Amino acid sequence: AIASVASFADKYKDMPCLGFTHFQPAQPTTVGKRA
């Protein structure tokens, strides 16, 4: 499971996405960082 998520995080580490706090829009992060 760790290997699977690590592969996903590495692939999408540079893809910006909207961050959420309280499920409200917050400062952007990346898809890989969220993983």
Full PDB file with SEQRES, HELIX, SHEET, SSBOND, CRYST1, ORIGX, SCALE, CONECT and MASTER records, all heavy atoms in Angstrom:
SEQRES   1 A   35  ALA ILE ALA SER VAL ALA SER PHE ALA ASP LYS TYR LYS          
SEQRES   2 A   35  ASP MET PRO CYS LEU GLY PHE THR HIS PHE GLN PRO ALA          
SEQRES   3 A   35  GLN PRO THR THR VAL GLY LYS ARG ALA                          
HELIX    1 AA1 ILE A    2  LYS A   11  1                                  10    
HELIX    2 AA2 VAL A   31  ARG A   34  1                                   4    
SHEET    1 AA1 2 PRO A  16  THR A  21  0                                        
SHEET    2 AA1 2 GLN A  24  THR A  30 -1                                        
CRYST1    1.000    1.000    1.000  90.00  90.00  90.00 P 1           1          
ORIGX1      1.000000  0.000000  0.000000        0.00000                         
ORIGX2      0.000000  1.000000  0.000000        0.00000                         
ORIGX3      0.000000  0.000000  1.000000        0.00000                         
SCALE1      1.000000  0.000000  0.000000        0.00000                         
SCALE2      0.000000  1.000000  0.000000        0.00000                         
SCALE3      0.000000  0.000000  1.000000        0.00000                         
ATOM      1  N   ALA A   1       0.838  -1.197   0.000  1.00  0.00           N  
ATOM      2  CA  ALA A   1       0.000   0.000   0.000  1.00  0.00           C  
ATOM      3  C   ALA A   1       0.876   1.251   0.000  1.00  0.00           C  
ATOM      4  O   ALA A   1       0.602   2.222  -0.717  1.00  0.00           O  
ATOM      5  CB  ALA A   1      -0.926  -0.005   1.216  1.00  0.00           C  
ATOM      6  N   ILE A   2       1.935   1.235   0.799  1.00  0.00           N  
ATOM      7  CA  ILE A   2       2.879   2.357   0.832  1.00  0.00           C  
ATOM      8  C   ILE A   2       3.495   2.570  -0.551  1.00  0.00           C  
ATOM      9  O   ILE A   2       3.594   3.699  -1.043  1.00  0.00           O  
ATOM     10  CB  ILE A   2       3.975   2.109   1.894  1.00  0.00           C  
ATOM     11  CG1 ILE A   2       3.377   2.237   3.300  1.00  0.00           C  
ATOM     12  CG2 ILE A   2       5.143   3.072   1.721  1.00  0.00           C  
ATOM     13  CD1 ILE A   2       4.316   1.815   4.414  1.00  0.00           C  
ATOM     14  N   ALA A   3       3.890   1.486  -1.195  1.00  0.00           N  
ATOM     15  CA  ALA A   3       4.498   1.585  -2.526  1.00  0.00           C  
ATOM     16  C   ALA A   3       3.513   2.164  -3.527  1.00  0.00           C  
ATOM     17  O   ALA A   3       3.880   2.985  -4.385  1.00  0.00           O  
ATOM     18  CB  ALA A   3       4.976   0.209  -2.983  1.00  0.00           C  
ATOM     19  N   SER A   4       2.264   1.760  -3.438  1.00  0.00           N  
ATOM     20  CA  SER A   4       1.247   2.238  -4.375  1.00  0.00           C  
ATOM     21  C   SER A   4       1.007   3.736  -4.219  1.00  0.00           C  
ATOM     22  O   SER A   4       0.985   4.484  -5.211  1.00  0.00           O  
ATOM     23  CB  SER A   4      -0.061   1.464  -4.152  1.00  0.00           C  
ATOM     24  OG  SER A   4      -1.070   1.921  -5.025  1.00  0.00           O  
ATOM     25  N   VAL A   5       0.847   4.194  -2.992  1.00  0.00           N  
ATOM     26  CA  VAL A   5       0.607   5.623  -2.765  1.00  0.00           C  
ATOM     27  C   VAL A   5       1.860   6.438  -3.084  1.00  0.00           C  
ATOM     28  O   VAL A   5       1.768   7.558  -3.611  1.00  0.00           O  
ATOM     29  CB  VAL A   5       0.154   5.877  -1.311  1.00  0.00           C  
ATOM     30  CG1 VAL A   5      -0.117   7.363  -1.086  1.00  0.00           C  
ATOM     31  CG2 VAL A   5      -1.098   5.074  -0.999  1.00  0.00           C  
ATOM     32  N   ALA A   6       3.042   5.876  -2.793  1.00  0.00           N  
ATOM     33  CA  ALA A   6       4.288   6.584  -3.095  1.00  0.00           C  
ATOM     34  C   ALA A   6       4.423   6.822  -4.593  1.00  0.00           C  
ATOM     35  O   ALA A   6       4.853   7.903  -5.028  1.00  0.00           O  
ATOM     36  CB  ALA A   6       5.477   5.782  -2.577  1.00  0.00           C  
ATOM     37  N   SER A   7       4.069   5.840  -5.400  1.00  0.00           N  
ATOM     38  CA  SER A   7       4.137   5.985  -6.851  1.00  0.00           C  
ATOM     39  C   SER A   7       3.202   7.092  -7.328  1.00  0.00           C  
ATOM     40  O   SER A   7       3.566   7.916  -8.175  1.00  0.00           O  
ATOM     41  CB  SER A   7       3.775   4.655  -7.522  1.00  0.00           C  
ATOM     42  OG  SER A   7       3.739   4.782  -8.923  1.00  0.00           O  
ATOM     43  N   PHE A   8       2.007   7.122  -6.765  1.00  0.00           N  
ATOM     44  CA  PHE A   8       1.036   8.166  -7.113  1.00  0.00           C  
ATOM     45  C   PHE A   8       1.543   9.541  -6.689  1.00  0.00           C  
ATOM     46  O   PHE A   8       1.463  10.513  -7.457  1.00  0.00           O  
ATOM     47  CB  PHE A   8      -0.294   7.861  -6.438  1.00  0.00           C  
ATOM     48  CG  PHE A   8      -1.376   8.863  -6.722  1.00  0.00           C  
ATOM     49  CD1 PHE A   8      -2.146   8.773  -7.867  1.00  0.00           C  
ATOM     50  CD2 PHE A   8      -1.628   9.910  -5.834  1.00  0.00           C  
ATOM     51  CE1 PHE A   8      -3.145   9.707  -8.139  1.00  0.00           C  
ATOM     52  CE2 PHE A   8      -2.615  10.837  -6.088  1.00  0.00           C  
ATOM     53  CZ  PHE A   8      -3.385  10.739  -7.239  1.00  0.00           C  
ATOM     54  N   ALA A   9       2.078   9.645  -5.476  1.00  0.00           N  
ATOM     55  CA  ALA A   9       2.571  10.931  -4.973  1.00  0.00           C  
ATOM     56  C   ALA A   9       3.711  11.459  -5.831  1.00  0.00           C  
ATOM     57  O   ALA A   9       3.786  12.665  -6.122  1.00  0.00           O  
ATOM     58  CB  ALA A   9       3.027  10.775  -3.521  1.00  0.00           C  
ATOM     59  N   ASP A  10       4.595  10.566  -6.232  1.00  0.00           N  
ATOM     60  CA  ASP A  10       5.720  10.972  -7.070  1.00  0.00           C  
ATOM     61  C   ASP A  10       5.241  11.456  -8.438  1.00  0.00           C  
ATOM     62  O   ASP A  10       5.724  12.466  -8.959  1.00  0.00           O  
ATOM     63  CB  ASP A  10       6.692   9.804  -7.221  1.00  0.00           C  
ATOM     64  CG  ASP A  10       7.941  10.191  -7.993  1.00  0.00           C  
ATOM     65  OD1 ASP A  10       8.609  11.174  -7.590  1.00  0.00           O  
ATOM     66  OD2 ASP A  10       8.250   9.528  -9.004  1.00  0.00           O  
ATOM     67  N   LYS A  11       4.288  10.765  -9.015  1.00  0.00           N  
ATOM     68  CA  LYS A  11       3.793  11.115 -10.345  1.00  0.00           C  
ATOM     69  C   LYS A  11       3.133  12.491 -10.365  1.00  0.00           C  
ATOM     70  O   LYS A  11       3.266  13.250 -11.338  1.00  0.00           O  
ATOM     71  CB  LYS A  11       2.800  10.048 -10.819  1.00  0.00           C  
ATOM     72  CG  LYS A  11       2.244  10.285 -12.219  1.00  0.00           C  
ATOM     73  CD  LYS A  11       1.333   9.133 -12.640  1.00  0.00           C  
ATOM     74  CE  LYS A  11       0.781   9.357 -14.047  1.00  0.00           C  
ATOM     75  NZ  LYS A  11      -0.102   8.228 -14.477  1.00  0.00           N  
ATOM     76  N   TYR A  12       2.435  12.821  -9.271  1.00  0.00           N  
ATOM     77  CA  TYR A  12       1.652  14.060  -9.258  1.00  0.00           C  
ATOM     78  C   TYR A  12       2.197  15.094  -8.273  1.00  0.00           C  
ATOM     79  O   TYR A  12       1.479  16.008  -7.877  1.00  0.00           O  
ATOM     80  CB  TYR A  12       0.192  13.742  -8.925  1.00  0.00           C  
ATOM     81  CG  TYR A  12      -0.495  12.944 -10.013  1.00  0.00           C  
ATOM     82  CD1 TYR A  12      -0.672  11.572  -9.875  1.00  0.00           C  
ATOM     83  CD2 TYR A  12      -0.935  13.561 -11.181  1.00  0.00           C  
ATOM     84  CE1 TYR A  12      -1.289  10.826 -10.884  1.00  0.00           C  
ATOM     85  CE2 TYR A  12      -1.551  12.836 -12.189  1.00  0.00           C  
ATOM     86  CZ  TYR A  12      -1.727  11.463 -12.037  1.00  0.00           C  
ATOM     87  OH  TYR A  12      -2.331  10.744 -13.035  1.00  0.00           O  
ATOM     88  N   LYS A  13       3.469  14.990  -7.946  1.00  0.00           N  
ATOM     89  CA  LYS A  13       4.031  15.912  -6.946  1.00  0.00           C  
ATOM     90  C   LYS A  13       4.046  17.361  -7.413  1.00  0.00           C  
ATOM     91  O   LYS A  13       4.048  18.283  -6.585  1.00  0.00           O  
ATOM     92  CB  LYS A  13       5.439  15.481  -6.540  1.00  0.00           C  
ATOM     93  CG  LYS A  13       6.492  15.504  -7.624  1.00  0.00           C  
ATOM     94  CD  LYS A  13       7.842  15.059  -7.069  1.00  0.00           C  
ATOM     95  CE  LYS A  13       8.931  15.045  -8.141  1.00  0.00           C  
ATOM     96  NZ  LYS A  13       8.678  14.006  -9.173  1.00  0.00           N  
ATOM     97  N   ASP A  14       4.043  17.595  -8.717  1.00  0.00           N  
ATOM     98  CA  ASP A  14       4.121  18.968  -9.250  1.00  0.00           C  
ATOM     99  C   ASP A  14       2.779  19.508  -9.710  1.00  0.00           C  
ATOM    100  O   ASP A  14       2.718  20.658 -10.167  1.00  0.00           O  
ATOM    101  CB  ASP A  14       5.101  19.010 -10.428  1.00  0.00           C  
ATOM    102  CG  ASP A  14       6.530  18.678 -10.030  1.00  0.00           C  
ATOM    103  OD1 ASP A  14       6.984  19.239  -9.011  1.00  0.00           O  
ATOM    104  OD2 ASP A  14       7.174  17.849 -10.704  1.00  0.00           O  
ATOM    105  N   MET A  15       1.718  18.733  -9.633  1.00  0.00           N  
ATOM    106  CA  MET A  15       0.423  19.185 -10.161  1.00  0.00           C  
ATOM    107  C   MET A  15      -0.313  20.019  -9.119  1.00  0.00           C  
ATOM    108  O   MET A  15      -0.811  19.482  -8.121  1.00  0.00           O  
ATOM    109  CB  MET A  15      -0.449  17.995 -10.580  1.00  0.00           C  
ATOM    110  CG  MET A  15      -1.807  18.423 -11.150  1.00  0.00           C  
ATOM    111  SD  MET A  15      -2.865  17.023 -11.617  1.00  0.00           S  
ATOM    112  CE  MET A  15      -2.013  16.500 -13.118  1.00  0.00           C  
ATOM    113  N   PRO A  16      -0.431  21.331  -9.326  1.00  0.00           N  
ATOM    114  CA  PRO A  16      -1.131  22.174  -8.348  1.00  0.00           C  
ATOM    115  C   PRO A  16      -2.608  21.809  -8.252  1.00  0.00           C  
ATOM    116  O   PRO A  16      -3.250  21.422  -9.237  1.00  0.00           O  
ATOM    117  CB  PRO A  16      -0.957  23.587  -8.910  1.00  0.00           C  
ATOM    118  CG  PRO A  16       0.222  23.506  -9.823  1.00  0.00           C  
ATOM    119  CD  PRO A  16       0.148  22.135 -10.419  1.00  0.00           C  
ATOM    120  N   CYS A  17      -3.141  21.913  -7.051  1.00  0.00           N  
ATOM    121  CA  CYS A  17      -4.570  21.711  -6.837  1.00  0.00           C  
ATOM    122  C   CYS A  17      -5.022  22.599  -5.693  1.00  0.00           C  
ATOM    123  O   CYS A  17      -4.193  23.097  -4.918  1.00  0.00           O  
ATOM    124  CB  CYS A  17      -4.892  20.246  -6.536  1.00  0.00           C  
ATOM    125  SG  CYS A  17      -4.241  19.648  -4.955  1.00  0.00           S  
ATOM    126  N   LEU A  18      -6.301  22.794  -5.604  1.00  0.00           N  
ATOM    127  CA  LEU A  18      -6.835  23.617  -4.531  1.00  0.00           C  
ATOM    128  C   LEU A  18      -6.716  22.871  -3.204  1.00  0.00           C  
ATOM    129  O   LEU A  18      -7.087  21.702  -3.103  1.00  0.00           O  
ATOM    130  CB  LEU A  18      -8.305  23.948  -4.816  1.00  0.00           C  
ATOM    131  CG  LEU A  18      -8.977  24.923  -3.853  1.00  0.00           C  
ATOM    132  CD1 LEU A  18      -8.322  26.294  -3.922  1.00  0.00           C  
ATOM    133  CD2 LEU A  18     -10.471  25.017  -4.169  1.00  0.00           C  
ATOM    134  N   GLY A  19      -6.176  23.535  -2.195  1.00  0.00           N  
ATOM    135  CA  GLY A  19      -6.154  22.965  -0.873  1.00  0.00           C  
ATOM    136  C   GLY A  19      -7.454  23.251  -0.140  1.00  0.00           C  
ATOM    137  O   GLY A  19      -8.209  24.149  -0.538  1.00  0.00           O  
ATOM    138  N   PHE A  20      -7.724  22.454   0.880  1.00  0.00           N  
ATOM    139  CA  PHE A  20      -8.943  22.665   1.665  1.00  0.00           C  
ATOM    140  C   PHE A  20      -8.627  22.623   3.162  1.00  0.00           C  
ATOM    141  O   PHE A  20      -7.898  21.749   3.627  1.00  0.00           O  
ATOM    142  CB  PHE A  20      -9.983  21.568   1.379  1.00  0.00           C  
ATOM    143  CG  PHE A  20     -10.575  21.622  -0.006  1.00  0.00           C  
ATOM    144  CD1 PHE A  20     -10.100  20.794  -1.007  1.00  0.00           C  
ATOM    145  CD2 PHE A  20     -11.606  22.498  -0.298  1.00  0.00           C  
ATOM    146  CE1 PHE A  20     -10.636  20.837  -2.278  1.00  0.00           C  
ATOM    147  CE2 PHE A  20     -12.155  22.549  -1.571  1.00  0.00           C  
ATOM    148  CZ  PHE A  20     -11.669  21.716  -2.566  1.00  0.00           C  
ATOM    149  N   THR A  21      -9.149  23.566   3.889  1.00  0.00           N  
ATOM    150  CA  THR A  21      -9.219  23.453   5.343  1.00  0.00           C  
ATOM    151  C   THR A  21     -10.683  23.631   5.707  1.00  0.00           C  
ATOM    152  O   THR A  21     -11.359  24.521   5.167  1.00  0.00           O  
ATOM    153  CB  THR A  21      -8.359  24.516   6.050  1.00  0.00           C  
ATOM    154  OG1 THR A  21      -8.803  25.828   5.654  1.00  0.00           O  
ATOM    155  CG2 THR A  21      -6.883  24.353   5.697  1.00  0.00           C  
ATOM    156  N   HIS A  22     -11.197  22.759   6.575  1.00  0.00           N  
ATOM    157  CA  HIS A  22     -12.622  22.742   6.915  1.00  0.00           C  
ATOM    158  C   HIS A  22     -13.479  22.463   5.681  1.00  0.00           C  
ATOM    159  O   HIS A  22     -14.659  22.809   5.657  1.00  0.00           O  
ATOM    160  CB  HIS A  22     -13.058  24.063   7.570  1.00  0.00           C  
ATOM    161  CG  HIS A  22     -12.094  24.574   8.585  1.00  0.00           C  
ATOM    162  ND1 HIS A  22     -12.040  24.100   9.875  1.00  0.00           N  
ATOM    163  CD2 HIS A  22     -11.108  25.507   8.487  1.00  0.00           C  
ATOM    164  CE1 HIS A  22     -11.073  24.725  10.539  1.00  0.00           C  
ATOM    165  NE2 HIS A  22     -10.483  25.566   9.712  1.00  0.00           N  
ATOM    166  N   PHE A  23     -12.875  21.855   4.675  1.00  0.00           N  
ATOM    167  CA  PHE A  23     -13.484  21.625   3.356  1.00  0.00           C  
ATOM    168  C   PHE A  23     -13.930  22.931   2.714  1.00  0.00           C  
ATOM    169  O   PHE A  23     -14.879  22.994   1.934  1.00  0.00           O  
ATOM    170  CB  PHE A  23     -14.646  20.633   3.431  1.00  0.00           C  
ATOM    171  CG  PHE A  23     -14.966  20.006   2.088  1.00  0.00           C  
ATOM    172  CD1 PHE A  23     -13.961  19.696   1.175  1.00  0.00           C  
ATOM    173  CD2 PHE A  23     -16.273  19.735   1.729  1.00  0.00           C  
ATOM    174  CE1 PHE A  23     -14.246  19.133  -0.060  1.00  0.00           C  
ATOM    175  CE2 PHE A  23     -16.578  19.167   0.496  1.00  0.00           C  
ATOM    176  CZ  PHE A  23     -15.551  18.865  -0.398  1.00  0.00           C  
ATOM    177  N   GLN A  24     -13.192  23.981   3.047  1.00  0.00           N  
ATOM    178  CA  GLN A  24     -13.373  25.275   2.401  1.00  0.00           C  
ATOM    179  C   GLN A  24     -12.102  25.572   1.614  1.00  0.00           C  
ATOM    180  O   GLN A  24     -11.000  25.177   2.014  1.00  0.00           O  
ATOM    181  CB  GLN A  24     -13.614  26.379   3.435  1.00  0.00           C  
ATOM    182  CG  GLN A  24     -14.827  26.141   4.327  1.00  0.00           C  
ATOM    183  CD  GLN A  24     -16.107  26.044   3.529  1.00  0.00           C  
ATOM    184  OE1 GLN A  24     -16.416  26.906   2.711  1.00  0.00           O  
ATOM    185  NE2 GLN A  24     -16.860  24.969   3.762  1.00  0.00           N  
ATOM    186  N   PRO A  25     -12.213  26.263   0.471  1.00  0.00           N  
ATOM    187  CA  PRO A  25     -11.028  26.562  -0.349  1.00  0.00           C  
ATOM    188  C   PRO A  25      -9.942  27.240   0.472  1.00  0.00           C  
ATOM    189  O   PRO A  25     -10.204  28.168   1.239  1.00  0.00           O  
ATOM    190  CB  PRO A  25     -11.568  27.485  -1.437  1.00  0.00           C  
ATOM    191  CG  PRO A  25     -13.021  27.118  -1.539  1.00  0.00           C  
ATOM    192  CD  PRO A  25     -13.447  26.773  -0.141  1.00  0.00           C  
ATOM    193  N   ALA A  26      -8.712  26.734   0.313  1.00  0.00           N  
ATOM    194  CA  ALA A  26      -7.579  27.261   1.057  1.00  0.00           C  
ATOM    195  C   ALA A  26      -6.365  27.300   0.141  1.00  0.00           C  
ATOM    196  O   ALA A  26      -6.448  27.018  -1.062  1.00  0.00           O  
ATOM    197  CB  ALA A  26      -7.311  26.404   2.290  1.00  0.00           C  
ATOM    198  N   GLN A  27      -5.232  27.648   0.704  1.00  0.00           N  
ATOM    199  CA  GLN A  27      -4.007  27.815  -0.072  1.00  0.00           C  
ATOM    200  C   GLN A  27      -3.722  26.563  -0.910  1.00  0.00           C  
ATOM    201  O   GLN A  27      -3.855  25.448  -0.418  1.00  0.00           O  
ATOM    202  CB  GLN A  27      -2.851  28.085   0.878  1.00  0.00           C  
ATOM    203  CG  GLN A  27      -1.598  28.610   0.209  1.00  0.00           C  
ATOM    204  CD  GLN A  27      -0.562  29.024   1.248  1.00  0.00           C  
ATOM    205  OE1 GLN A  27      -0.052  28.184   1.973  1.00  0.00           O  
ATOM    206  NE2 GLN A  27      -0.286  30.308   1.327  1.00  0.00           N  
ATOM    207  N   PRO A  28      -3.309  26.743  -2.151  1.00  0.00           N  
ATOM    208  CA  PRO A  28      -3.064  25.581  -3.018  1.00  0.00           C  
ATOM    209  C   PRO A  28      -1.961  24.670  -2.495  1.00  0.00           C  
ATOM    210  O   PRO A  28      -1.046  25.096  -1.788  1.00  0.00           O  
ATOM    211  CB  PRO A  28      -2.661  26.211  -4.352  1.00  0.00           C  
ATOM    212  CG  PRO A  28      -3.261  27.579  -4.328  1.00  0.00           C  
ATOM    213  CD  PRO A  28      -3.181  28.011  -2.894  1.00  0.00           C  
ATOM    214  N   THR A  29      -2.080  23.417  -2.844  1.00  0.00           N  
ATOM    215  CA  THR A  29      -1.048  22.417  -2.605  1.00  0.00           C  
ATOM    216  C   THR A  29      -0.841  21.683  -3.921  1.00  0.00           C  
ATOM    217  O   THR A  29      -1.157  22.232  -4.978  1.00  0.00           O  
ATOM    218  CB  THR A  29      -1.456  21.473  -1.453  1.00  0.00           C  
ATOM    219  OG1 THR A  29      -0.414  20.550  -1.201  1.00  0.00           O  
ATOM    220  CG2 THR A  29      -2.747  20.733  -1.745  1.00  0.00           C  
ATOM    221  N   THR A  30      -0.315  20.471  -3.910  1.00  0.00           N  
ATOM    222  CA  THR A  30      -0.257  19.672  -5.129  1.00  0.00           C  
ATOM    223  C   THR A  30      -0.937  18.334  -4.862  1.00  0.00           C  
ATOM    224  O   THR A  30      -1.083  17.901  -3.716  1.00  0.00           O  
ATOM    225  CB  THR A  30       1.183  19.423  -5.613  1.00  0.00           C  
ATOM    226  OG1 THR A  30       1.857  18.548  -4.685  1.00  0.00           O  
ATOM    227  CG2 THR A  30       1.948  20.723  -5.761  1.00  0.00           C  
ATOM    228  N   VAL A  31      -1.336  17.690  -5.934  1.00  0.00           N  
ATOM    229  CA  VAL A  31      -2.005  16.394  -5.814  1.00  0.00           C  
ATOM    230  C   VAL A  31      -1.087  15.396  -5.115  1.00  0.00           C  
ATOM    231  O   VAL A  31      -1.509  14.630  -4.245  1.00  0.00           O  
ATOM    232  CB  VAL A  31      -2.427  15.877  -7.208  1.00  0.00           C  
ATOM    233  CG1 VAL A  31      -2.956  14.439  -7.125  1.00  0.00           C  
ATOM    234  CG2 VAL A  31      -3.479  16.804  -7.823  1.00  0.00           C  
ATOM    235  N   GLY A  32       0.197  15.422  -5.481  1.00  0.00           N  
ATOM    236  CA  GLY A  32       1.153  14.505  -4.868  1.00  0.00           C  
ATOM    237  C   GLY A  32       1.407  14.814  -3.408  1.00  0.00           C  
ATOM    238  O   GLY A  32       1.548  13.894  -2.590  1.00  0.00           O  
ATOM    239  N   LYS A  33       1.475  16.080  -3.062  1.00  0.00           N  
ATOM    240  CA  LYS A  33       1.689  16.454  -1.655  1.00  0.00           C  
ATOM    241  C   LYS A  33       0.517  16.002  -0.797  1.00  0.00           C  
ATOM    242  O   LYS A  33       0.709  15.511   0.327  1.00  0.00           O  
ATOM    243  CB  LYS A  33       1.889  17.966  -1.533  1.00  0.00           C  
ATOM    244  CG  LYS A  33       1.897  18.503  -0.090  1.00  0.00           C  
ATOM    245  CD  LYS A  33       3.040  17.941   0.744  1.00  0.00           C  
ATOM    246  CE  LYS A  33       2.841  18.162   2.232  1.00  0.00           C  
ATOM    247  NZ  LYS A  33       2.654  19.557   2.633  1.00  0.00           N  
ATOM    248  N   ARG A  34      -0.695  16.140  -1.318  1.00  0.00           N  
ATOM    249  CA  ARG A  34      -1.855  15.656  -0.560  1.00  0.00           C  
ATOM    250  C   ARG A  34      -1.744  14.149  -0.318  1.00  0.00           C  
ATOM    251  O   ARG A  34      -2.074  13.659   0.757  1.00  0.00           O  
ATOM    252  CB  ARG A  34      -3.149  15.984  -1.310  1.00  0.00           C  
ATOM    253  CG  ARG A  34      -4.393  15.422  -0.636  1.00  0.00           C  
ATOM    254  CD  ARG A  34      -5.645  15.873  -1.339  1.00  0.00           C  
ATOM    255  NE  ARG A  34      -5.958  17.259  -1.031  1.00  0.00           N  
ATOM    256  CZ  ARG A  34      -6.551  18.103  -1.859  1.00  0.00           C  
ATOM    257  NH1 ARG A  34      -6.870  17.710  -3.083  1.00  0.00           N  
ATOM    258  NH2 ARG A  34      -6.811  19.342  -1.491  1.00  0.00           N  
ATOM    259  N   ALA A  35      -1.252  13.426  -1.317  1.00  0.00           N  
ATOM    260  CA  ALA A  35      -1.100  11.976  -1.165  1.00  0.00           C  
ATOM    261  C   ALA A  35      -0.082  11.622  -0.085  1.00  0.00           C  
ATOM    262  O   ALA A  35      -0.177  10.567   0.544  1.00  0.00           O  
ATOM    263  CB  ALA A  35      -0.696  11.348  -2.498  1.00  0.00           C  
TER     264      ALA A  35                                                      
MASTER        0    0    0    2    2    0    0    6  263    1    0    3          
END                                                                             
